[in-house]
Amino acid sequence: MEYQEAKEKFISTWGSLGSLWGINKAMAQIQALLFISTKPLSMEEVMEELKISRGNTSMNLRQLMDWGIVTKVLVSGERKEFFTTEKDVQELARIIAKERSRREIRPVIKVLEDVSSIKDDGTEKTKELIKQTKALNLLTQDLDTLMNKMVNQKQNWLTKSVMKLIK
């Protein structure tokens, strides 16, 4: 397999996997392109490489910056904006896990807290709803706590955390 074919395959596969970590295909493809790039890329370079519109590129770059995965870079002598992404795989995984917790897990915890704190009217169905949502809330909070402990270990957090669990 030649470079161009391998690059296209990687970007396409990474784009398909994007939904697993909560982003759309174009966002994941942009991040993948920046991830394997040897230099920061302009919006125009991203558009040309991925064959996507300016609006789509702009919106997805903004969202990737909101996630903390992509950053703007100043290139001396250039008026255009350039973008790069985190290159350390461990740090990238840490950023994604932290952001998913903030965007997805914590809102679920809030809903579970609200639902499990309803007034107990003494009926069996109400008691069951309270019991099950409290149990789910505790499990979700424990998982969020565990994930936060892992992401707060900066250096090799994934490897260290897995090894601690195995021991």
N, C-alpha and C. Protein backbone atom coordinates (compact mmCIF):
# COMPACT_ATOMS: atom_id res chain seq x y z
N MET A 1 0.85 -1.18 0.00
CA MET A 1 0.00 0.00 0.00
C MET A 1 0.90 1.24 0.00
N GLU A 2 0.60 2.16 -0.85
CA GLU A 2 1.36 3.40 -0.96
C GLU A 2 0.85 4.42 0.06
N TYR A 3 1.65 5.48 0.26
CA TYR A 3 1.33 6.52 1.25
C TYR A 3 -0.08 7.07 1.07
N GLN A 4 -0.43 7.52 -0.13
CA GLN A 4 -1.72 8.18 -0.36
C GLN A 4 -2.88 7.25 -0.02
N GLU A 5 -2.78 6.00 -0.44
CA GLU A 5 -3.84 5.03 -0.14
C GLU A 5 -3.95 4.78 1.37
N ALA A 6 -2.81 4.65 2.03
CA ALA A 6 -2.80 4.43 3.48
C ALA A 6 -3.39 5.64 4.22
N LYS A 7 -3.01 6.83 3.76
CA LYS A 7 -3.52 8.06 4.38
C LYS A 7 -5.04 8.14 4.23
N GLU A 8 -5.54 7.91 3.03
CA GLU A 8 -6.99 7.95 2.79
C GLU A 8 -7.72 6.90 3.61
N LYS A 9 -7.15 5.71 3.71
CA LYS A 9 -7.77 4.63 4.49
C LYS A 9 -7.82 5.00 5.97
N PHE A 10 -6.72 5.55 6.49
CA PHE A 10 -6.68 5.97 7.89
C PHE A 10 -7.73 7.04 8.17
N ILE A 11 -7.77 8.08 7.34
CA ILE A 11 -8.71 9.19 7.54
C ILE A 11 -10.15 8.70 7.44
N SER A 12 -10.42 7.84 6.49
CA SER A 12 -11.77 7.30 6.33
C SER A 12 -12.19 6.46 7.54
N THR A 13 -11.29 5.59 7.99
CA THR A 13 -11.59 4.73 9.14
C THR A 13 -11.75 5.56 10.40
N TRP A 14 -10.87 6.53 10.61
CA TRP A 14 -10.96 7.41 11.79
C TRP A 14 -12.27 8.18 11.76
N GLY A 15 -12.68 8.59 10.57
CA GLY A 15 -13.95 9.30 10.41
C GLY A 15 -15.12 8.43 10.81
N SER A 16 -15.10 7.18 10.42
CA SER A 16 -16.17 6.25 10.79
C SER A 16 -16.19 5.98 12.28
N LEU A 17 -15.02 5.97 12.91
CA LEU A 17 -14.94 5.71 14.35
C LEU A 17 -15.32 6.92 15.18
N GLY A 18 -15.39 8.08 14.56
CA GLY A 18 -15.69 9.31 15.29
C GLY A 18 -16.96 9.24 16.10
N SER A 19 -17.97 8.56 15.59
CA SER A 19 -19.23 8.47 16.32
C SER A 19 -19.06 7.74 17.65
N LEU A 20 -18.05 6.88 17.76
CA LEU A 20 -17.81 6.17 19.02
C LEU A 20 -17.34 7.11 20.13
N TRP A 21 -16.71 8.21 19.75
CA TRP A 21 -16.30 9.15 20.79
C TRP A 21 -17.06 10.46 20.71
N GLY A 22 -18.23 10.39 20.09
CA GLY A 22 -19.19 11.48 20.21
C GLY A 22 -19.05 12.63 19.23
N ILE A 23 -18.40 12.42 18.11
CA ILE A 23 -18.30 13.49 17.12
C ILE A 23 -18.73 12.95 15.75
N ASN A 24 -18.99 13.86 14.82
CA ASN A 24 -19.44 13.43 13.50
C ASN A 24 -18.25 13.04 12.61
N LYS A 25 -18.58 12.44 11.48
CA LYS A 25 -17.57 11.91 10.57
C LYS A 25 -16.60 12.98 10.08
N ALA A 26 -17.12 14.13 9.65
CA ALA A 26 -16.24 15.19 9.14
C ALA A 26 -15.29 15.70 10.22
N MET A 27 -15.80 15.85 11.45
CA MET A 27 -14.93 16.29 12.55
C MET A 27 -13.79 15.30 12.75
N ALA A 28 -14.13 14.02 12.76
CA ALA A 28 -13.12 12.99 12.97
C ALA A 28 -12.11 12.96 11.82
N GLN A 29 -12.59 13.15 10.61
CA GLN A 29 -11.68 13.15 9.47
C GLN A 29 -10.72 14.34 9.52
N ILE A 30 -11.23 15.50 9.92
CA ILE A 30 -10.37 16.68 10.05
C ILE A 30 -9.30 16.42 11.11
N GLN A 31 -9.74 15.88 12.24
CA GLN A 31 -8.78 15.59 13.31
C GLN A 31 -7.75 14.57 12.84
N ALA A 32 -8.18 13.54 12.11
CA ALA A 32 -7.26 12.52 11.60
C ALA A 32 -6.23 13.13 10.65
N LEU A 33 -6.69 13.99 9.76
CA LEU A 33 -5.79 14.65 8.82
C LEU A 33 -4.74 15.48 9.58
N LEU A 34 -5.19 16.26 10.56
CA LEU A 34 -4.27 17.07 11.35
C LEU A 34 -3.33 16.18 12.16
N PHE A 35 -3.84 15.05 12.64
CA PHE A 35 -3.07 14.12 13.47
C PHE A 35 -1.86 13.56 12.71
N ILE A 36 -2.04 13.26 11.43
CA ILE A 36 -0.93 12.67 10.66
C ILE A 36 -0.14 13.70 9.86
N SER A 37 -0.56 14.96 9.93
CA SER A 37 0.14 16.01 9.20
C SER A 37 1.45 16.37 9.91
N THR A 38 2.46 16.65 9.11
CA THR A 38 3.76 17.02 9.67
C THR A 38 3.85 18.50 10.01
N LYS A 39 2.83 19.26 9.59
CA LYS A 39 2.83 20.70 9.85
C LYS A 39 1.38 21.15 10.05
N PRO A 40 1.19 22.31 10.68
CA PRO A 40 -0.18 22.84 10.81
C PRO A 40 -0.77 23.09 9.42
N LEU A 41 -2.08 22.91 9.30
CA LEU A 41 -2.76 23.09 8.02
C LEU A 41 -3.73 24.26 8.08
N SER A 42 -3.89 24.94 6.95
CA SER A 42 -4.87 26.01 6.85
C SER A 42 -6.24 25.40 6.59
N MET A 43 -7.28 26.19 6.76
CA MET A 43 -8.63 25.73 6.47
C MET A 43 -8.73 25.30 5.01
N GLU A 44 -8.12 26.07 4.13
CA GLU A 44 -8.17 25.75 2.71
C GLU A 44 -7.51 24.41 2.41
N GLU A 45 -6.39 24.13 3.07
CA GLU A 45 -5.72 22.84 2.87
C GLU A 45 -6.59 21.68 3.36
N VAL A 46 -7.26 21.88 4.49
CA VAL A 46 -8.15 20.85 5.02
C VAL A 46 -9.31 20.62 4.04
N MET A 47 -9.91 21.72 3.56
CA MET A 47 -11.03 21.63 2.61
C MET A 47 -10.61 20.87 1.36
N GLU A 48 -9.46 21.23 0.83
CA GLU A 48 -8.99 20.61 -0.41
C GLU A 48 -8.68 19.13 -0.20
N GLU A 49 -8.01 18.83 0.87
CA GLU A 49 -7.61 17.44 1.14
C GLU A 49 -8.81 16.52 1.36
N LEU A 50 -9.81 17.02 2.10
CA LEU A 50 -10.96 16.18 2.45
C LEU A 50 -12.15 16.37 1.52
N LYS A 51 -12.06 17.35 0.63
CA LYS A 51 -13.15 17.62 -0.31
C LYS A 51 -14.45 17.95 0.42
N ILE A 52 -14.34 18.87 1.39
CA ILE A 52 -15.53 19.32 2.12
C ILE A 52 -15.63 20.84 2.02
N SER A 53 -16.84 21.34 2.24
CA SER A 53 -17.11 22.77 2.06
C SER A 53 -16.44 23.63 3.13
N ARG A 54 -16.33 24.92 2.83
CA ARG A 54 -15.77 25.87 3.78
C ARG A 54 -16.59 25.92 5.07
N GLY A 55 -17.92 25.97 4.92
CA GLY A 55 -18.79 26.02 6.09
C GLY A 55 -18.64 24.80 6.98
N ASN A 56 -18.61 23.63 6.35
CA ASN A 56 -18.46 22.37 7.09
C ASN A 56 -17.10 22.33 7.79
N THR A 57 -16.07 22.75 7.09
CA THR A 57 -14.72 22.76 7.66
C THR A 57 -14.65 23.74 8.83
N SER A 58 -15.15 24.94 8.63
CA SER A 58 -15.11 25.96 9.66
C SER A 58 -15.87 25.53 10.92
N MET A 59 -17.09 25.02 10.73
CA MET A 59 -17.92 24.60 11.86
C MET A 59 -17.24 23.46 12.63
N ASN A 60 -16.68 22.49 11.90
CA ASN A 60 -16.07 21.35 12.57
C ASN A 60 -14.75 21.69 13.24
N LEU A 61 -13.98 22.60 12.65
CA LEU A 61 -12.76 23.06 13.32
C LEU A 61 -13.10 23.78 14.62
N ARG A 62 -14.15 24.60 14.59
CA ARG A 62 -14.59 25.29 15.81
C ARG A 62 -14.98 24.29 16.90
N GLN A 63 -15.74 23.26 16.50
CA GLN A 63 -16.16 22.25 17.47
C GLN A 63 -14.97 21.47 18.02
N LEU A 64 -14.01 21.15 17.16
CA LEU A 64 -12.81 20.45 17.63
C LEU A 64 -12.01 21.32 18.60
N MET A 65 -12.00 22.63 18.35
CA MET A 65 -11.33 23.55 19.29
C MET A 65 -12.10 23.60 20.61
N ASP A 66 -13.44 23.58 20.54
CA ASP A 66 -14.25 23.54 21.76
C ASP A 66 -13.95 22.29 22.59
N TRP A 67 -13.71 21.19 21.91
CA TRP A 67 -13.37 19.94 22.59
C TRP A 67 -11.96 20.02 23.20
N GLY A 68 -11.13 20.94 22.72
CA GLY A 68 -9.76 21.04 23.20
C GLY A 68 -8.81 20.11 22.47
N ILE A 69 -9.25 19.59 21.33
CA ILE A 69 -8.44 18.63 20.56
C ILE A 69 -7.62 19.34 19.48
N VAL A 70 -8.16 20.42 18.93
CA VAL A 70 -7.49 21.17 17.86
C VAL A 70 -7.21 22.57 18.37
N THR A 71 -6.05 23.09 17.98
CA THR A 71 -5.69 24.46 18.37
C THR A 71 -5.26 25.24 17.13
N LYS A 72 -5.46 26.56 17.21
CA LYS A 72 -4.99 27.48 16.17
C LYS A 72 -3.52 27.73 16.40
N VAL A 73 -2.79 27.84 15.28
CA VAL A 73 -1.35 28.07 15.35
C VAL A 73 -1.01 29.26 14.47
N LEU A 74 -0.18 30.14 14.98
CA LEU A 74 0.30 31.26 14.17
C LEU A 74 1.50 30.80 13.36
N VAL A 75 1.44 31.04 12.05
CA VAL A 75 2.57 30.71 11.19
C VAL A 75 3.17 32.04 10.72
N SER A 76 4.43 32.23 11.03
CA SER A 76 5.11 33.48 10.72
C SER A 76 5.02 33.81 9.23
N GLY A 77 4.61 35.05 8.95
CA GLY A 77 4.52 35.53 7.58
C GLY A 77 3.23 35.15 6.87
N GLU A 78 2.33 34.46 7.53
CA GLU A 78 1.06 34.04 6.92
C GLU A 78 -0.10 34.79 7.54
N ARG A 79 -1.08 35.12 6.70
CA ARG A 79 -2.28 35.80 7.20
C ARG A 79 -3.39 34.79 7.51
N LYS A 80 -3.30 33.62 6.91
CA LYS A 80 -4.30 32.59 7.12
C LYS A 80 -4.17 32.01 8.53
N GLU A 81 -5.28 31.39 8.98
CA GLU A 81 -5.24 30.66 10.25
C GLU A 81 -4.80 29.23 9.95
N PHE A 82 -3.99 28.69 10.83
CA PHE A 82 -3.53 27.31 10.69
C PHE A 82 -3.95 26.53 11.94
N PHE A 83 -4.09 25.22 11.76
CA PHE A 83 -4.60 24.38 12.82
C PHE A 83 -3.74 23.13 13.00
N THR A 84 -3.69 22.69 14.23
CA THR A 84 -2.98 21.45 14.55
C THR A 84 -3.77 20.72 15.62
N THR A 85 -3.39 19.49 15.88
CA THR A 85 -4.07 18.69 16.90
C THR A 85 -3.05 18.10 17.85
N GLU A 86 -3.52 17.63 18.96
CA GLU A 86 -2.68 16.93 19.93
C GLU A 86 -2.07 15.71 19.24
N LYS A 87 -0.77 15.53 19.35
CA LYS A 87 -0.09 14.42 18.70
C LYS A 87 0.16 13.25 19.64
N ASP A 88 0.14 13.50 20.94
CA ASP A 88 0.35 12.43 21.92
C ASP A 88 -0.95 11.65 22.08
N VAL A 89 -0.92 10.36 21.75
CA VAL A 89 -2.12 9.54 21.76
C VAL A 89 -2.72 9.43 23.17
N GLN A 90 -1.87 9.30 24.17
CA GLN A 90 -2.35 9.21 25.56
C GLN A 90 -3.07 10.50 25.97
N GLU A 91 -2.47 11.63 25.64
CA GLU A 91 -3.07 12.92 25.98
C GLU A 91 -4.37 13.14 25.21
N LEU A 92 -4.39 12.73 23.95
CA LEU A 92 -5.59 12.84 23.14
C LEU A 92 -6.73 12.03 23.76
N ALA A 93 -6.44 10.80 24.17
CA ALA A 93 -7.45 9.96 24.82
C ALA A 93 -7.93 10.60 26.12
N ARG A 94 -7.01 11.21 26.87
CA ARG A 94 -7.36 11.87 28.13
C ARG A 94 -8.31 13.05 27.88
N ILE A 95 -8.01 13.85 26.88
CA ILE A 95 -8.85 15.01 26.55
C ILE A 95 -10.25 14.55 26.13
N ILE A 96 -10.30 13.54 25.29
CA ILE A 96 -11.59 13.03 24.82
C ILE A 96 -12.42 12.47 25.97
N ALA A 97 -11.79 11.69 26.84
CA ALA A 97 -12.51 11.10 27.98
C ALA A 97 -13.04 12.20 28.90
N LYS A 98 -12.24 13.20 29.16
CA LYS A 98 -12.66 14.31 30.02
C LYS A 98 -13.84 15.06 29.42
N GLU A 99 -13.77 15.31 28.13
CA GLU A 99 -14.83 16.05 27.47
C GLU A 99 -16.12 15.24 27.37
N ARG A 100 -16.00 13.94 27.13
CA ARG A 100 -17.19 13.08 27.08
C ARG A 100 -17.87 13.04 28.44
N SER A 101 -17.08 13.02 29.50
CA SER A 101 -17.66 13.05 30.84
C SER A 101 -18.47 14.33 31.03
N ARG A 102 -17.87 15.44 30.65
CA ARG A 102 -18.54 16.74 30.82
C ARG A 102 -19.80 16.84 29.97
N ARG A 103 -19.74 16.38 28.74
CA ARG A 103 -20.85 16.54 27.80
C ARG A 103 -21.93 15.47 27.94
N GLU A 104 -21.56 14.26 28.33
CA GLU A 104 -22.50 13.15 28.29
C GLU A 104 -22.81 12.55 29.65
N ILE A 105 -21.79 12.21 30.42
CA ILE A 105 -22.03 11.49 31.67
C ILE A 105 -22.62 12.38 32.74
N ARG A 106 -22.08 13.56 32.94
CA ARG A 106 -22.59 14.44 33.99
C ARG A 106 -24.04 14.86 33.77
N PRO A 107 -24.47 15.15 32.53
CA PRO A 107 -25.90 15.42 32.32
C PRO A 107 -26.79 14.22 32.67
N VAL A 108 -26.32 13.02 32.38
CA VAL A 108 -27.09 11.81 32.73
C VAL A 108 -27.19 11.69 34.25
N ILE A 109 -26.11 11.96 34.95
CA ILE A 109 -26.12 11.91 36.41
C ILE A 109 -27.15 12.89 36.96
N LYS A 110 -27.19 14.08 36.39
CA LYS A 110 -28.17 15.09 36.83
C LYS A 110 -29.60 14.59 36.64
N VAL A 111 -29.89 14.00 35.49
CA VAL A 111 -31.24 13.47 35.23
C VAL A 111 -31.56 12.35 36.21
N LEU A 112 -30.61 11.45 36.43
CA LEU A 112 -30.85 10.34 37.36
C LEU A 112 -31.08 10.85 38.79
N GLU A 113 -30.35 11.89 39.18
CA GLU A 113 -30.58 12.49 40.50
C GLU A 113 -31.98 13.07 40.60
N ASP A 114 -32.41 13.77 39.56
CA ASP A 114 -33.76 14.36 39.54
C ASP A 114 -34.83 13.28 39.60
N VAL A 115 -34.68 12.25 38.77
CA VAL A 115 -35.69 11.20 38.69
C VAL A 115 -35.74 10.39 39.98
N SER A 116 -34.59 10.09 40.56
CA SER A 116 -34.58 9.25 41.76
C SER A 116 -35.00 10.00 43.02
N SER A 117 -35.15 11.31 42.91
CA SER A 117 -35.55 12.08 44.09
C SER A 117 -37.04 12.48 44.04
N ILE A 118 -37.81 11.79 43.22
CA ILE A 118 -39.25 12.09 43.17
C ILE A 118 -39.90 11.71 44.50
N LYS A 119 -41.07 12.27 44.72
CA LYS A 119 -41.81 11.99 45.96
C LYS A 119 -42.28 10.53 45.94
N ASP A 120 -42.01 9.83 47.01
CA ASP A 120 -42.43 8.43 47.14
C ASP A 120 -43.89 8.42 47.58
N ASP A 121 -44.76 8.02 46.65
CA ASP A 121 -46.19 7.98 46.95
C ASP A 121 -46.63 6.65 47.56
N GLY A 122 -45.66 5.78 47.83
CA GLY A 122 -45.96 4.50 48.47
C GLY A 122 -46.33 3.38 47.51
N THR A 123 -46.48 3.69 46.23
CA THR A 123 -46.84 2.63 45.29
C THR A 123 -45.60 1.82 44.92
N GLU A 124 -45.85 0.59 44.51
CA GLU A 124 -44.76 -0.31 44.15
C GLU A 124 -43.98 0.22 42.95
N LYS A 125 -44.70 0.78 41.96
CA LYS A 125 -44.01 1.27 40.76
C LYS A 125 -43.11 2.47 41.07
N THR A 126 -43.56 3.34 41.97
CA THR A 126 -42.74 4.49 42.36
C THR A 126 -41.51 4.04 43.12
N LYS A 127 -41.70 3.11 44.05
CA LYS A 127 -40.56 2.59 44.83
C LYS A 127 -39.53 1.94 43.90
N GLU A 128 -40.02 1.18 42.90
CA GLU A 128 -39.11 0.52 41.95
C GLU A 128 -38.36 1.55 41.11
N LEU A 129 -39.05 2.57 40.64
CA LEU A 129 -38.40 3.63 39.86
C LEU A 129 -37.31 4.30 40.68
N ILE A 130 -37.62 4.65 41.92
CA ILE A 130 -36.64 5.31 42.79
C ILE A 130 -35.45 4.38 43.04
N LYS A 131 -35.73 3.14 43.37
CA LYS A 131 -34.67 2.17 43.67
C LYS A 131 -33.73 1.98 42.48
N GLN A 132 -34.30 1.75 41.30
CA GLN A 132 -33.47 1.47 40.13
C GLN A 132 -32.71 2.70 39.65
N THR A 133 -33.33 3.86 39.68
CA THR A 133 -32.63 5.06 39.22
C THR A 133 -31.55 5.48 40.21
N LYS A 134 -31.77 5.23 41.51
CA LYS A 134 -30.71 5.51 42.50
C LYS A 134 -29.52 4.59 42.27
N ALA A 135 -29.80 3.29 42.02
CA ALA A 135 -28.72 2.34 41.76
C ALA A 135 -27.95 2.71 40.51
N LEU A 136 -28.67 3.07 39.47
CA LEU A 136 -28.02 3.48 38.22
C LEU A 136 -27.23 4.77 38.41
N ASN A 137 -27.77 5.69 39.19
CA ASN A 137 -27.07 6.94 39.48
C ASN A 137 -25.75 6.66 40.21
N LEU A 138 -25.79 5.80 41.22
CA LEU A 138 -24.56 5.47 41.96
C LEU A 138 -23.52 4.82 41.04
N LEU A 139 -23.96 3.91 40.20
CA LEU A 139 -23.04 3.26 39.26
C LEU A 139 -22.44 4.30 38.30
N THR A 140 -23.27 5.16 37.76
CA THR A 140 -22.81 6.18 36.82
C THR A 140 -21.82 7.13 37.50
N GLN A 141 -22.12 7.52 38.73
CA GLN A 141 -21.20 8.40 39.47
C GLN A 141 -19.87 7.69 39.73
N ASP A 142 -19.93 6.41 40.10
CA ASP A 142 -18.70 5.65 40.33
C ASP A 142 -17.85 5.56 39.06
N LEU A 143 -18.51 5.30 37.93
CA LEU A 143 -17.78 5.21 36.66
C LEU A 143 -17.19 6.57 36.27
N ASP A 144 -17.94 7.64 36.53
CA ASP A 144 -17.44 8.98 36.22
C ASP A 144 -16.24 9.31 37.12
N THR A 145 -16.33 8.95 38.39
CA THR A 145 -15.21 9.17 39.32
C THR A 145 -13.98 8.39 38.88
N LEU A 146 -14.18 7.13 38.50
CA LEU A 146 -13.07 6.31 38.03
C LEU A 146 -12.44 6.92 36.78
N MET A 147 -13.28 7.32 35.84
CA MET A 147 -12.77 7.91 34.61
C MET A 147 -12.02 9.21 34.91
N ASN A 148 -12.55 10.03 35.82
CA ASN A 148 -11.87 11.28 36.16
C ASN A 148 -10.53 11.04 36.84
N LYS A 149 -10.45 10.00 37.66
CA LYS A 149 -9.16 9.66 38.28
C LYS A 149 -8.16 9.27 37.20
N MET A 150 -8.62 8.52 36.22
CA MET A 150 -7.72 8.09 35.14
C MET A 150 -7.26 9.28 34.31
N VAL A 151 -8.19 10.17 33.95
CA VAL A 151 -7.81 11.28 33.08
C VAL A 151 -6.97 12.33 33.79
N ASN A 152 -7.01 12.35 35.10
CA ASN A 152 -6.20 13.31 35.83
C ASN A 152 -4.77 12.84 36.04
N GLN A 153 -4.48 11.59 35.69
CA GLN A 153 -3.10 11.09 35.71
C GLN A 153 -2.51 11.40 34.35
N LYS A 154 -1.74 12.45 34.28
CA LYS A 154 -1.25 12.97 33.00
C LYS A 154 -0.40 11.97 32.21
N GLN A 155 0.56 11.35 32.85
CA GLN A 155 1.53 10.56 32.12
C GLN A 155 1.10 9.09 32.05
N ASN A 156 0.89 8.60 30.83
CA ASN A 156 0.49 7.21 30.60
C ASN A 156 -0.70 6.80 31.46
N TRP A 157 -1.69 7.66 31.56
CA TRP A 157 -2.83 7.40 32.43
C TRP A 157 -3.57 6.14 32.05
N LEU A 158 -3.70 5.87 30.78
CA LEU A 158 -4.44 4.70 30.35
C LEU A 158 -3.71 3.43 30.76
N THR A 159 -2.44 3.35 30.45
CA THR A 159 -1.65 2.17 30.78
C THR A 159 -1.59 1.97 32.29
N LYS A 160 -1.30 3.03 33.04
CA LYS A 160 -1.21 2.92 34.49
C LYS A 160 -2.55 2.48 35.10
N SER A 161 -3.63 3.05 34.62
CA SER A 161 -4.94 2.72 35.16
C SER A 161 -5.32 1.28 34.88
N VAL A 162 -5.07 0.83 33.69
CA VAL A 162 -5.38 -0.57 33.34
C VAL A 162 -4.54 -1.50 34.19
N MET A 163 -3.27 -1.19 34.36
CA MET A 163 -2.39 -2.04 35.16
C MET A 163 -2.86 -2.09 36.62
N LYS A 164 -3.32 -0.97 37.17
CA LYS A 164 -3.82 -0.95 38.55
C LYS A 164 -5.06 -1.83 38.67
N LEU A 165 -5.92 -1.80 37.66
CA LEU A 165 -7.13 -2.62 37.68
C LEU A 165 -6.79 -4.11 37.60
N ILE A 166 -5.76 -4.45 36.85
CA ILE A 166 -5.37 -5.85 36.69
C ILE A 166 -4.78 -6.39 37.98
N LYS A 167 -4.02 -5.58 38.70
CA LYS A 167 -3.38 -6.03 39.95
C LYS A 167 -4.41 -6.24 40.98
